[in-house]
Every structure is written in C-alpha cells, then in structure tokens.
C-alpha cells in the first residue's frame, strides 16, 4: 500500500473538472525562500558529474538538449527511471508546467486498493526516443563513437512529431444504488 496525503475518490471526469477549476483559481505563492534554498544547493555543485572526452554522458546530452531548445518553449516528457531524474536535474526548465512524467500514475492500483472492488488498469506506452538512444548507446556501443552517433542522428533517424500520450480512465460503481460506469479519454 502506498501512503497518500489526500485520497480522492469520485467520478473521474467530474473530479478532473474540479481539479482543473481549483488549479485555475489558485493564487501565486511567494517562492523567494524556496528559490534561495535551491540556489544554495546549486552553489555546492551537488549535481556535478564526471566529464568525459570519449563517452557521451547522459547529463551532458540533456544539458545540450536544453541549450538547443530553450528558445522554443519545450515541454519535456519522461518515462520512469534514472533518465527521469537526469531530466529533472539537468534540463534548465525556464517556466512551470513544462515537464510531464507519470506523477504516480504507476501506483494507481495500490492507491485504489480497498477502495474499489475491481481495478482494471492498462497503460499505453510508446517508448519513443529513449529506447532508441539506449539501443544506440549501449547495445551498439556508440557511446564511444561520437562521429558515428552524429552521422546516425543527422541522416538515419527521422524527426517525429507524432508522439502521443493517451490518458484513459474508467470508473464503475453504484450511484444511488444504480450500477454506473463512466469513462474519460484525453489525448495530450
């Protein structure tokens, strides 16, 4: 069982509408103290990593990605894992609401344990570029062949604009004694 601070149980579509409404009404908070704390951590260089001339360091590649996309207002998505942490630590997010990750969606069945009679949980995952990079860097050993890696990126891998995230939620239960089911699907 995963402990939660605030459990929310209800019709998914209605709960999401209420959450969006509450989010839109929130007041901006003064983050000066928090930003000063972060600046202190950065001053200690706690995210430093070894520099290498013969290997592509993942942290460096994420920093380079930020440098190349910072003027395009990028929205970054990650799967779960070490690369998720590297993205959080080394991509210089310039604005809020620009990083999408599972945010605990993977623990949804545990969250609903004991609160729902049956949970049917499925996810759709397009592995995308992360798996391509793993294959190129590790399986083919190109982390030490920057020249070949550059050639592959420039001539062999097409740019894709069709990455899609689908969120699908179905809730089934009794409302006023009547068995009901509602579904929500959202394409991001």
C-alpha atoms as a PDB file:
ATOM      1  CA  UNK A   1       0.000   0.000   0.000  1.00  0.00           C
ATOM      2  CA  UNK A   2       1.329   3.410  -0.959  1.00  0.00           C
ATOM      3  CA  UNK A   3       0.518   6.138   1.586  1.00  0.00           C
ATOM      4  CA  UNK A   4      -1.162   9.229   0.145  1.00  0.00           C
ATOM      5  CA  UNK A   5      -1.656  12.674   1.657  1.00  0.00           C
ATOM      6  CA  UNK A   6      -5.092  13.176   0.131  1.00  0.00           C
ATOM      7  CA  UNK A   7      -7.102  10.361  -1.411  1.00  0.00           C
ATOM      8  CA  UNK A   8      -9.669  11.455  -3.974  1.00  0.00           C
ATOM      9  CA  UNK A   9     -12.493   9.086  -4.856  1.00  0.00           C
ATOM     10  CA  UNK A  10     -15.180  10.034  -7.336  1.00  0.00           C
ATOM     11  CA  UNK A  11     -16.275  10.133 -10.919  1.00  0.00           C
ATOM     12  CA  UNK A  12     -13.049  10.663 -12.863  1.00  0.00           C
ATOM     13  CA  UNK A  13     -14.447  13.242 -15.300  1.00  0.00           C
ATOM     14  CA  UNK A  14     -16.077  15.269 -12.527  1.00  0.00           C
ATOM     15  CA  UNK A  15     -13.012  15.090 -10.271  1.00  0.00           C
ATOM     16  CA  UNK A  16     -10.725  16.200 -13.110  1.00  0.00           C
ATOM     17  CA  UNK A  17     -13.027  19.130 -13.913  1.00  0.00           C
ATOM     18  CA  UNK A  18     -12.994  20.185 -10.247  1.00  0.00           C
ATOM     19  CA  UNK A  19      -9.206  19.849 -10.031  1.00  0.00           C
ATOM     20  CA  UNK A  20      -8.707  21.970 -13.157  1.00  0.00           C
ATOM     21  CA  UNK A  21     -11.125  24.584 -11.799  1.00  0.00           C
ATOM     22  CA  UNK A  22      -9.326  24.690  -8.437  1.00  0.00           C
ATOM     23  CA  UNK A  23      -5.946  24.911 -10.194  1.00  0.00           C
ATOM     24  CA  UNK A  24      -7.119  27.876 -12.278  1.00  0.00           C
ATOM     25  CA  UNK A  25      -8.319  29.727  -9.139  1.00  0.00           C
ATOM     26  CA  UNK A  26      -5.130  29.296  -7.107  1.00  0.00           C
ATOM     27  CA  UNK A  27      -3.140  32.314  -6.010  1.00  0.00           C
ATOM     28  CA  UNK A  28       0.535  32.664  -6.863  1.00  0.00           C
ATOM     29  CA  UNK A  29       2.806  31.878  -3.919  1.00  0.00           C
ATOM     30  CA  UNK A  30       5.965  33.699  -2.970  1.00  0.00           C
ATOM     31  CA  UNK A  31       8.746  31.273  -3.897  1.00  0.00           C
ATOM     32  CA  UNK A  32      11.664  33.538  -2.919  1.00  0.00           C
ATOM     33  CA  UNK A  33      12.699  31.406   0.066  1.00  0.00           C
ATOM     34  CA  UNK A  34      12.453  28.163  -1.912  1.00  0.00           C
ATOM     35  CA  UNK A  35      14.424  29.613  -4.835  1.00  0.00           C
ATOM     36  CA  UNK A  36      17.134  30.788  -2.416  1.00  0.00           C
ATOM     37  CA  UNK A  37      17.405  27.267  -0.989  1.00  0.00           C
ATOM     38  CA  UNK A  38      17.787  25.836  -4.500  1.00  0.00           C
ATOM     39  CA  UNK A  39      20.426  28.464  -5.316  1.00  0.00           C
ATOM     40  CA  UNK A  40      22.355  27.298  -2.223  1.00  0.00           C
ATOM     41  CA  UNK A  41      22.273  23.697  -3.423  1.00  0.00           C
ATOM     42  CA  UNK A  42      23.429  24.745  -6.881  1.00  0.00           C
ATOM     43  CA  UNK A  43      26.307  26.732  -5.367  1.00  0.00           C
ATOM     44  CA  UNK A  44      27.605  23.481  -3.843  1.00  0.00           C
ATOM     45  CA  UNK A  45      27.649  21.890  -7.337  1.00  0.00           C
ATOM     46  CA  UNK A  46      25.858  18.841  -5.945  1.00  0.00           C
ATOM     47  CA  UNK A  47      24.784  17.771  -9.437  1.00  0.00           C
ATOM     48  CA  UNK A  48      28.301  17.714 -10.872  1.00  0.00           C
ATOM     49  CA  UNK A  49      29.189  14.652 -12.917  1.00  0.00           C
ATOM     50  CA  UNK A  50      32.444  13.332 -14.409  1.00  0.00           C
ATOM     51  CA  UNK A  51      33.371  14.899 -17.728  1.00  0.00           C
ATOM     52  CA  UNK A  52      34.459  12.519 -20.466  1.00  0.00           C
ATOM     53  CA  UNK A  53      36.018  13.139 -23.858  1.00  0.00           C
ATOM     54  CA  UNK A  54      35.396   9.621 -25.154  1.00  0.00           C
ATOM     55  CA  UNK A  55      31.854   8.915 -23.864  1.00  0.00           C
ATOM     56  CA  UNK A  56      28.584  10.786 -24.182  1.00  0.00           C
ATOM     57  CA  UNK A  57      27.444  11.496 -20.642  1.00  0.00           C
ATOM     58  CA  UNK A  58      23.622  11.423 -20.319  1.00  0.00           C
ATOM     59  CA  UNK A  59      23.642  14.524 -18.125  1.00  0.00           C
ATOM     60  CA  UNK A  60      25.607  16.425 -20.774  1.00  0.00           C
ATOM     61  CA  UNK A  61      23.228  15.324 -23.525  1.00  0.00           C
ATOM     62  CA  UNK A  62      20.259  16.642 -21.509  1.00  0.00           C
ATOM     63  CA  UNK A  63      22.038  19.958 -20.875  1.00  0.00           C
ATOM     64  CA  UNK A  64      22.772  20.179 -24.620  1.00  0.00           C
ATOM     65  CA  UNK A  65      19.139  19.405 -25.445  1.00  0.00           C
ATOM     66  CA  UNK A  66      18.085  22.291 -23.198  1.00  0.00           C
ATOM     67  CA  UNK A  67      20.587  24.641 -24.866  1.00  0.00           C
ATOM     68  CA  UNK A  68      19.221  23.737 -28.308  1.00  0.00           C
ATOM     69  CA  UNK A  69      15.521  24.009 -27.373  1.00  0.00           C
ATOM     70  CA  UNK A  70      15.324  26.697 -24.678  1.00  0.00           C
ATOM     71  CA  UNK A  71      14.005  29.353 -27.100  1.00  0.00           C
ATOM     72  CA  UNK A  72      11.224  27.043 -28.339  1.00  0.00           C
ATOM     73  CA  UNK A  73       9.298  26.770 -25.043  1.00  0.00           C
ATOM     74  CA  UNK A  74       9.748  22.979 -24.900  1.00  0.00           C
ATOM     75  CA  UNK A  75       7.572  20.596 -22.946  1.00  0.00           C
ATOM     76  CA  UNK A  76       9.602  17.593 -21.789  1.00  0.00           C
ATOM     77  CA  UNK A  77       8.163  14.143 -21.126  1.00  0.00           C
ATOM     78  CA  UNK A  78       9.926  11.221 -19.497  1.00  0.00           C
ATOM     79  CA  UNK A  79       9.254   7.663 -18.610  1.00  0.00           C
ATOM     80  CA  UNK A  80      10.189   6.443 -15.136  1.00  0.00           C
ATOM     81  CA  UNK A  81      13.815   5.761 -14.283  1.00  0.00           C
ATOM     82  CA  UNK A  82      17.228   7.327 -13.990  1.00  0.00           C
ATOM     83  CA  UNK A  83      16.701   9.452 -17.111  1.00  0.00           C
ATOM     84  CA  UNK A  84      13.680  10.954 -15.361  1.00  0.00           C
ATOM     85  CA  UNK A  85      15.987  12.162 -12.584  1.00  0.00           C
ATOM     86  CA  UNK A  86      18.597  13.433 -15.062  1.00  0.00           C
ATOM     87  CA  UNK A  87      15.900  15.410 -16.887  1.00  0.00           C
ATOM     88  CA  UNK A  88      14.714  16.941 -13.619  1.00  0.00           C
ATOM     89  CA  UNK A  89      18.278  17.818 -12.592  1.00  0.00           C
ATOM     90  CA  UNK A  90      19.925  18.881 -15.851  1.00  0.00           C
ATOM     91  CA  UNK A  91      17.218  20.311 -18.103  1.00  0.00           C
ATOM     92  CA  UNK A  92      17.006  24.011 -17.223  1.00  0.00           C
ATOM     93  CA  UNK A  93      13.238  24.407 -17.227  1.00  0.00           C
ATOM     94  CA  UNK A  94      12.509  28.069 -17.940  1.00  0.00           C
ATOM     95  CA  UNK A  95       8.827  28.046 -16.987  1.00  0.00           C
ATOM     96  CA  UNK A  96       6.447  25.972 -14.858  1.00  0.00           C
ATOM     97  CA  UNK A  97       4.221  23.234 -16.295  1.00  0.00           C
ATOM     98  CA  UNK A  98       6.798  22.153 -18.873  1.00  0.00           C
ATOM     99  CA  UNK A  99       7.677  18.689 -17.534  1.00  0.00           C
ATOM    100  CA  UNK A 100       5.341  15.707 -17.860  1.00  0.00           C
ATOM    101  CA  UNK A 101       6.020  12.446 -16.105  1.00  0.00           C
ATOM    102  CA  UNK A 102       3.904   9.676 -14.652  1.00  0.00           C
ATOM    103  CA  UNK A 103       3.474  11.613 -11.401  1.00  0.00           C
ATOM    104  CA  UNK A 104       2.422   8.469  -9.559  1.00  0.00           C
ATOM    105  CA  UNK A 105       0.087   7.066 -12.209  1.00  0.00           C
ATOM    106  CA  UNK A 106       2.045   3.815 -11.986  1.00  0.00           C
ATOM    107  CA  UNK A 107       0.874   3.318  -8.389  1.00  0.00           C
ATOM    108  CA  UNK A 108      -2.808   3.891  -9.182  1.00  0.00           C
ATOM    109  CA  UNK A 109      -3.856   0.272  -8.419  1.00  0.00           C
ATOM    110  CA  UNK A 110      -2.208   0.430  -4.970  1.00  0.00           C
ATOM    111  CA  UNK A 111      -3.842   3.798  -4.304  1.00  0.00           C
ATOM    112  CA  UNK A 112      -7.284   2.335  -5.032  1.00  0.00           C
ATOM    113  CA  UNK A 113      -6.654  -0.903  -3.088  1.00  0.00           C
ATOM    114  CA  UNK A 114      -9.535  -1.474  -0.677  1.00  0.00           C
ATOM    115  CA  UNK A 115     -11.499   1.443  -2.125  1.00  0.00           C
ATOM    116  CA  UNK A 116     -12.647  -0.255  -5.332  1.00  0.00           C
ATOM    117  CA  UNK A 117     -13.931  -3.784  -5.743  1.00  0.00           C
ATOM    118  CA  UNK A 118     -12.099  -4.359  -9.043  1.00  0.00           C
ATOM    119  CA  UNK A 119      -9.477  -2.276 -10.780  1.00  0.00           C
ATOM    120  CA  UNK A 120      -8.777  -2.882 -14.446  1.00  0.00           C
ATOM    121  CA  UNK A 121      -5.612  -0.933 -15.167  1.00  0.00           C
ATOM    122  CA  UNK A 122      -3.975  -0.649 -18.537  1.00  0.00           C
ATOM    123  CA  UNK A 123      -1.487   1.780 -19.941  1.00  0.00           C
ATOM    124  CA  UNK A 124      -0.444   2.599 -23.466  1.00  0.00           C
ATOM    125  CA  UNK A 125       3.238   3.327 -23.899  1.00  0.00           C
ATOM    126  CA  UNK A 126       5.136   4.393 -26.956  1.00  0.00           C
ATOM    127  CA  UNK A 127       8.776   4.013 -25.924  1.00  0.00           C
ATOM    128  CA  UNK A 128       9.952   6.706 -28.327  1.00  0.00           C
ATOM    129  CA  UNK A 129      13.419   8.130 -28.484  1.00  0.00           C
ATOM    130  CA  UNK A 130      14.615   6.942 -25.080  1.00  0.00           C
ATOM    131  CA  UNK A 131      14.639   3.312 -26.190  1.00  0.00           C
ATOM    132  CA  UNK A 132      16.268   4.239 -29.498  1.00  0.00           C
ATOM    133  CA  UNK A 133      19.024   6.038 -27.593  1.00  0.00           C
ATOM    134  CA  UNK A 134      19.524   3.095 -25.225  1.00  0.00           C
ATOM    135  CA  UNK A 135      19.891   0.780 -28.192  1.00  0.00           C
ATOM    136  CA  UNK A 136      22.341   3.089 -29.969  1.00  0.00           C
ATOM    137  CA  UNK A 137      24.425   3.961 -26.918  1.00  0.00           C
ATOM    138  CA  UNK A 138      24.512   0.678 -25.043  1.00  0.00           C
ATOM    139  CA  UNK A 139      23.530  -2.184 -27.338  1.00  0.00           C
ATOM    140  CA  UNK A 140      25.555  -0.911 -30.290  1.00  0.00           C
ATOM    141  CA  UNK A 141      28.291   0.672 -28.152  1.00  0.00           C
ATOM    142  CA  UNK A 142      28.092   4.105 -29.775  1.00  0.00           C
ATOM    143  CA  UNK A 143      28.721   5.964 -26.509  1.00  0.00           C
ATOM    144  CA  UNK A 144      32.388   5.859 -27.550  1.00  0.00           C
ATOM    145  CA  UNK A 145      31.808   6.561 -31.263  1.00  0.00           C
ATOM    146  CA  UNK A 146      30.582  10.157 -31.338  1.00  0.00           C
ATOM    147  CA  UNK A 147      31.336  10.563 -35.033  1.00  0.00           C
ATOM    148  CA  UNK A 148      29.109   7.637 -35.993  1.00  0.00           C
ATOM    149  CA  UNK A 149      26.430   8.690 -33.495  1.00  0.00           C
ATOM    150  CA  UNK A 150      26.318  12.165 -35.075  1.00  0.00           C
ATOM    151  CA  UNK A 151      26.026  10.676 -38.542  1.00  0.00           C
ATOM    152  CA  UNK A 152      23.135   8.452 -37.448  1.00  0.00           C
ATOM    153  CA  UNK A 153      21.282  11.377 -35.885  1.00  0.00           C
ATOM    154  CA  UNK A 154      21.766  13.585 -38.914  1.00  0.00           C
ATOM    155  CA  UNK A 155      20.981  11.100 -41.662  1.00  0.00           C
ATOM    156  CA  UNK A 156      19.318   7.930 -40.415  1.00  0.00           C
ATOM    157  CA  UNK A 157      16.798   8.885 -37.713  1.00  0.00           C
ATOM    158  CA  UNK A 158      13.742  10.764 -38.950  1.00  0.00           C
ATOM    159  CA  UNK A 159      12.335  13.561 -36.844  1.00  0.00           C
ATOM    160  CA  UNK A 160       8.942  12.617 -35.446  1.00  0.00           C
ATOM    161  CA  UNK A 161       6.098  14.913 -34.497  1.00  0.00           C
ATOM    162  CA  UNK A 162       3.523  12.222 -33.804  1.00  0.00           C
ATOM    163  CA  UNK A 163       4.376  11.208 -30.236  1.00  0.00           C
ATOM    164  CA  UNK A 164       1.038  10.987 -28.431  1.00  0.00           C
ATOM    165  CA  UNK A 165       0.073  10.476 -24.788  1.00  0.00           C
ATOM    166  CA  UNK A 166      -3.347   8.998 -24.083  1.00  0.00           C
ATOM    167  CA  UNK A 167      -4.955   9.135 -20.647  1.00  0.00           C
ATOM    168  CA  UNK A 168      -7.872   6.713 -20.250  1.00  0.00           C
ATOM    169  CA  UNK A 169      -9.831   6.267 -17.049  1.00  0.00           C
ATOM    170  CA  UNK A 170     -12.956   4.220 -16.374  1.00  0.00           C
ATOM    171  CA  UNK A 171     -14.836   4.256 -13.081  1.00  0.00           C
ATOM    172  CA  UNK A 172     -17.538   1.695 -12.343  1.00  0.00           C
ATOM    173  CA  UNK A 173     -19.687   1.634  -9.241  1.00  0.00           C
ATOM    174  CA  UNK A 174     -23.039   2.361  -7.703  1.00  0.00           C
ATOM    175  CA  UNK A 175     -24.563   5.822  -7.604  1.00  0.00           C
ATOM    176  CA  UNK A 176     -27.811   5.997  -5.615  1.00  0.00           C
ATOM    177  CA  UNK A 177     -27.996   2.206  -5.804  1.00  0.00           C
ATOM    178  CA  UNK A 178     -27.710   2.106  -9.591  1.00  0.00           C
ATOM    179  CA  UNK A 179     -24.698   0.445 -11.231  1.00  0.00           C
ATOM    180  CA  UNK A 180     -22.961   3.093 -13.369  1.00  0.00           C
ATOM    181  CA  UNK A 181     -19.828   3.333 -15.470  1.00  0.00           C
ATOM    182  CA  UNK A 182     -18.145   6.457 -16.802  1.00  0.00           C
ATOM    183  CA  UNK A 183     -15.051   6.697 -18.986  1.00  0.00           C
ATOM    184  CA  UNK A 184     -12.732   9.544 -19.858  1.00  0.00           C
ATOM    185  CA  UNK A 185     -10.136   9.567 -22.586  1.00  0.00           C
ATOM    186  CA  UNK A 186      -7.875  12.522 -23.225  1.00  0.00           C
ATOM    187  CA  UNK A 187      -5.233  12.905 -25.922  1.00  0.00           C
ATOM    188  CA  UNK A 188      -2.360  15.144 -24.873  1.00  0.00           C
END
